[in-house]
Amino acid sequence: MPDPLYFPRRGPKGTRKLSPREKQIYDLIVTEGLTRGQIAKRLGGASNTISQHVNSIYLKRGVVSAQQLIIRHWKYRERKLMHDLVVKCISDFARNWSPQIECDSTESGGVSSDGGFLQ
């Protein structure tokens, strides 16, 4: 499943894919909860430049705040983890499953060949 947080989509300015620098800033916001000033200090960039990157990230992701960005990020991760878990469980079941070819009709309460219950 492609990651919608990084997957390129068409937007008002062309592509909505994050640039490498935007991705770096995005990761600092969603994983560490850093503010624009903290990101500027960490990366050694000018505060105005970092603000421009953050605004671009918000525009591309359709959010207006860091809180919305973080919530959207972790909700997606939760859905992806659940999806991956379900796929794994189904794969494990399918790999270990073998159809029962014959049914023992001598036992009381078994299933007959026509799908009915034996008495």
C-alpha atoms as a PDB file:
ATOM      1  CA  MET A   1       0.000   0.000   0.000  1.00  0.00           C
ATOM      2  CA  PRO A   2       1.614   3.304  -0.982  1.00  0.00           C
ATOM      3  CA  ASP A   3       2.186   5.767   1.814  1.00  0.00           C
ATOM      4  CA  PRO A   4      -0.267   8.669   1.206  1.00  0.00           C
ATOM      5  CA  LEU A   5       1.915  10.935   3.324  1.00  0.00           C
ATOM      6  CA  TYR A   6       4.716  10.721   0.762  1.00  0.00           C
ATOM      7  CA  PHE A   7       2.907   9.439  -2.338  1.00  0.00           C
ATOM      8  CA  PRO A   8       2.871  12.021  -5.129  1.00  0.00           C
ATOM      9  CA  ARG A   9      -0.555  13.487  -5.801  1.00  0.00           C
ATOM     10  CA  ARG A  10      -1.592  16.360  -7.984  1.00  0.00           C
ATOM     11  CA  GLY A  11      -2.278  19.571  -6.150  1.00  0.00           C
ATOM     12  CA  PRO A  12      -2.681  23.267  -6.890  1.00  0.00           C
ATOM     13  CA  LYS A  13       1.078  23.720  -7.321  1.00  0.00           C
ATOM     14  CA  GLY A  14       1.707  20.557  -9.347  1.00  0.00           C
ATOM     15  CA  THR A  15       3.077  17.686  -7.340  1.00  0.00           C
ATOM     16  CA  ARG A  16       2.264  17.133  -3.668  1.00  0.00           C
ATOM     17  CA  LYS A  17       5.286  14.942  -2.989  1.00  0.00           C
ATOM     18  CA  LEU A  18       7.522  16.245  -0.228  1.00  0.00           C
ATOM     19  CA  SER A  19      11.016  17.369  -1.150  1.00  0.00           C
ATOM     20  CA  PRO A  20      13.891  15.678   0.730  1.00  0.00           C
ATOM     21  CA  ARG A  21      14.243  18.728   3.009  1.00  0.00           C
ATOM     22  CA  GLU A  22      10.482  18.850   3.618  1.00  0.00           C
ATOM     23  CA  LYS A  23      10.500  15.146   4.476  1.00  0.00           C
ATOM     24  CA  GLN A  24      13.319  15.751   6.952  1.00  0.00           C
ATOM     25  CA  ILE A  25      11.330  18.566   8.595  1.00  0.00           C
ATOM     26  CA  TYR A  26       8.111  16.524   8.445  1.00  0.00           C
ATOM     27  CA  ASP A  27       9.814  13.685  10.325  1.00  0.00           C
ATOM     28  CA  LEU A  28      11.037  16.059  13.038  1.00  0.00           C
ATOM     29  CA  ILE A  29       7.520  17.446  13.487  1.00  0.00           C
ATOM     30  CA  VAL A  30       5.663  14.124  13.645  1.00  0.00           C
ATOM     31  CA  THR A  31       8.211  11.988  15.501  1.00  0.00           C
ATOM     32  CA  GLU A  32       9.685  14.518  17.942  1.00  0.00           C
ATOM     33  CA  GLY A  33       7.039  17.237  17.981  1.00  0.00           C
ATOM     34  CA  LEU A  34       9.598  19.976  17.334  1.00  0.00           C
ATOM     35  CA  THR A  35       8.527  23.569  16.725  1.00  0.00           C
ATOM     36  CA  ARG A  36       9.762  25.682  13.822  1.00  0.00           C
ATOM     37  CA  GLY A  37      12.380  27.345  16.050  1.00  0.00           C
ATOM     38  CA  GLN A  38      13.627  24.016  17.386  1.00  0.00           C
ATOM     39  CA  ILE A  39      13.849  22.620  13.850  1.00  0.00           C
ATOM     40  CA  ALA A  40      15.827  25.686  12.717  1.00  0.00           C
ATOM     41  CA  LYS A  41      18.316  25.173  15.572  1.00  0.00           C
ATOM     42  CA  ARG A  42      18.561  21.428  14.939  1.00  0.00           C
ATOM     43  CA  LEU A  43      19.112  21.745  11.195  1.00  0.00           C
ATOM     44  CA  GLY A  44      21.038  25.003  11.282  1.00  0.00           C
ATOM     45  CA  GLY A  45      18.649  26.714   8.875  1.00  0.00           C
ATOM     46  CA  ALA A  46      17.166  30.179   8.946  1.00  0.00           C
ATOM     47  CA  SER A  47      13.878  30.412  10.815  1.00  0.00           C
ATOM     48  CA  ASN A  48      12.120  31.986   7.805  1.00  0.00           C
ATOM     49  CA  THR A  49      13.302  29.203   5.506  1.00  0.00           C
ATOM     50  CA  ILE A  50      12.096  26.526   7.916  1.00  0.00           C
ATOM     51  CA  SER A  51       8.742  28.329   8.182  1.00  0.00           C
ATOM     52  CA  GLN A  52       8.439  28.290   4.386  1.00  0.00           C
ATOM     53  CA  HIS A  53       9.112  24.547   4.354  1.00  0.00           C
ATOM     54  CA  VAL A  54       6.587  23.940   7.134  1.00  0.00           C
ATOM     55  CA  ASN A  55       3.936  25.991   5.319  1.00  0.00           C
ATOM     56  CA  SER A  56       4.618  24.019   2.143  1.00  0.00           C
ATOM     57  CA  ILE A  57       4.243  20.732   4.071  1.00  0.00           C
ATOM     58  CA  TYR A  58       0.926  21.906   5.534  1.00  0.00           C
ATOM     59  CA  LEU A  59      -0.340  22.894   2.093  1.00  0.00           C
ATOM     60  CA  LYS A  60       0.684  19.590   0.531  1.00  0.00           C
ATOM     61  CA  ARG A  61      -0.899  17.583   3.343  1.00  0.00           C
ATOM     62  CA  GLY A  62      -4.048  19.704   3.618  1.00  0.00           C
ATOM     63  CA  VAL A  63      -3.581  20.692   7.251  1.00  0.00           C
ATOM     64  CA  VAL A  64      -3.280  24.023   9.050  1.00  0.00           C
ATOM     65  CA  SER A  65      -1.296  23.059  12.140  1.00  0.00           C
ATOM     66  CA  ALA A  66       1.368  20.748  13.485  1.00  0.00           C
ATOM     67  CA  GLN A  67      -1.277  19.074  15.641  1.00  0.00           C
ATOM     68  CA  GLN A  68      -3.347  18.157  12.585  1.00  0.00           C
ATOM     69  CA  LEU A  69      -0.240  16.906  10.792  1.00  0.00           C
ATOM     70  CA  ILE A  70       0.758  14.713  13.738  1.00  0.00           C
ATOM     71  CA  ILE A  71      -2.758  13.310  14.190  1.00  0.00           C
ATOM     72  CA  ARG A  72      -3.069  12.497  10.500  1.00  0.00           C
ATOM     73  CA  HIS A  73       0.361  10.863  10.471  1.00  0.00           C
ATOM     74  CA  TRP A  74      -0.302   8.575  13.452  1.00  0.00           C
ATOM     75  CA  LYS A  75      -3.851   7.710  12.373  1.00  0.00           C
ATOM     76  CA  TYR A  76      -2.453   6.581   9.028  1.00  0.00           C
ATOM     77  CA  ARG A  77       0.293   4.562  10.757  1.00  0.00           C
ATOM     78  CA  GLU A  78      -2.301   2.891  12.981  1.00  0.00           C
ATOM     79  CA  ARG A  79      -4.440   1.953   9.956  1.00  0.00           C
ATOM     80  CA  LYS A  80      -1.385   0.675   8.105  1.00  0.00           C
ATOM     81  CA  LEU A  81      -0.306  -1.466  11.071  1.00  0.00           C
ATOM     82  CA  MET A  82      -3.810  -2.946  11.328  1.00  0.00           C
ATOM     83  CA  HIS A  83      -3.868  -3.591   7.577  1.00  0.00           C
ATOM     84  CA  ASP A  84      -0.464  -5.300   7.712  1.00  0.00           C
ATOM     85  CA  LEU A  85      -1.559  -7.417  10.691  1.00  0.00           C
ATOM     86  CA  VAL A  86      -4.732  -8.577   8.925  1.00  0.00           C
ATOM     87  CA  VAL A  87      -2.784  -9.424   5.759  1.00  0.00           C
ATOM     88  CA  LYS A  88      -0.263 -11.412   7.814  1.00  0.00           C
ATOM     89  CA  CYS A  89      -2.996 -13.314   9.665  1.00  0.00           C
ATOM     90  CA  ILE A  90      -4.774 -14.167   6.416  1.00  0.00           C
ATOM     91  CA  SER A  91      -1.503 -15.240   4.801  1.00  0.00           C
ATOM     92  CA  ASP A  92      -0.613 -17.430   7.791  1.00  0.00           C
ATOM     93  CA  PHE A  93      -4.082 -18.980   7.781  1.00  0.00           C
ATOM     94  CA  ALA A  94      -3.980 -19.633   4.024  1.00  0.00           C
ATOM     95  CA  ARG A  95      -0.493 -21.133   4.253  1.00  0.00           C
ATOM     96  CA  ASN A  96      -1.473 -23.532   7.071  1.00  0.00           C
ATOM     97  CA  TRP A  97      -4.999 -24.344   5.946  1.00  0.00           C
ATOM     98  CA  SER A  98      -5.772 -27.622   4.260  1.00  0.00           C
ATOM     99  CA  PRO A  99      -9.291 -28.539   3.192  1.00  0.00           C
ATOM    100  CA  GLN A 100     -10.883 -31.546   4.841  1.00  0.00           C
ATOM    101  CA  ILE A 101     -11.462 -33.919   1.951  1.00  0.00           C
ATOM    102  CA  GLU A 102     -13.332 -36.665   3.759  1.00  0.00           C
ATOM    103  CA  CYS A 103     -15.755 -36.508   6.608  1.00  0.00           C
ATOM    104  CA  ASP A 104     -16.116 -39.277   9.131  1.00  0.00           C
ATOM    105  CA  SER A 105     -19.816 -40.106   8.865  1.00  0.00           C
ATOM    106  CA  THR A 106     -19.675 -42.785  11.553  1.00  0.00           C
ATOM    107  CA  GLU A 107     -19.540 -40.297  14.416  1.00  0.00           C
ATOM    108  CA  SER A 108     -22.772 -38.968  15.813  1.00  0.00           C
ATOM    109  CA  GLY A 109     -23.136 -35.265  15.134  1.00  0.00           C
ATOM    110  CA  GLY A 110     -20.867 -35.316  12.067  1.00  0.00           C
ATOM    111  CA  VAL A 111     -21.539 -33.607   8.767  1.00  0.00           C
ATOM    112  CA  SER A 112     -22.994 -35.583   5.878  1.00  0.00           C
ATOM    113  CA  SER A 113     -21.706 -35.324   2.323  1.00  0.00           C
ATOM    114  CA  ASP A 114     -24.606 -33.025   1.427  1.00  0.00           C
ATOM    115  CA  GLY A 115     -23.671 -30.573   4.186  1.00  0.00           C
ATOM    116  CA  GLY A 116     -26.384 -31.639   6.644  1.00  0.00           C
ATOM    117  CA  PHE A 117     -25.715 -32.805  10.180  1.00  0.00           C
ATOM    118  CA  LEU A 118     -25.693 -36.504  10.990  1.00  0.00           C
ATOM    119  CA  GLN A 119     -27.568 -37.808  13.991  1.00  0.00           C
END
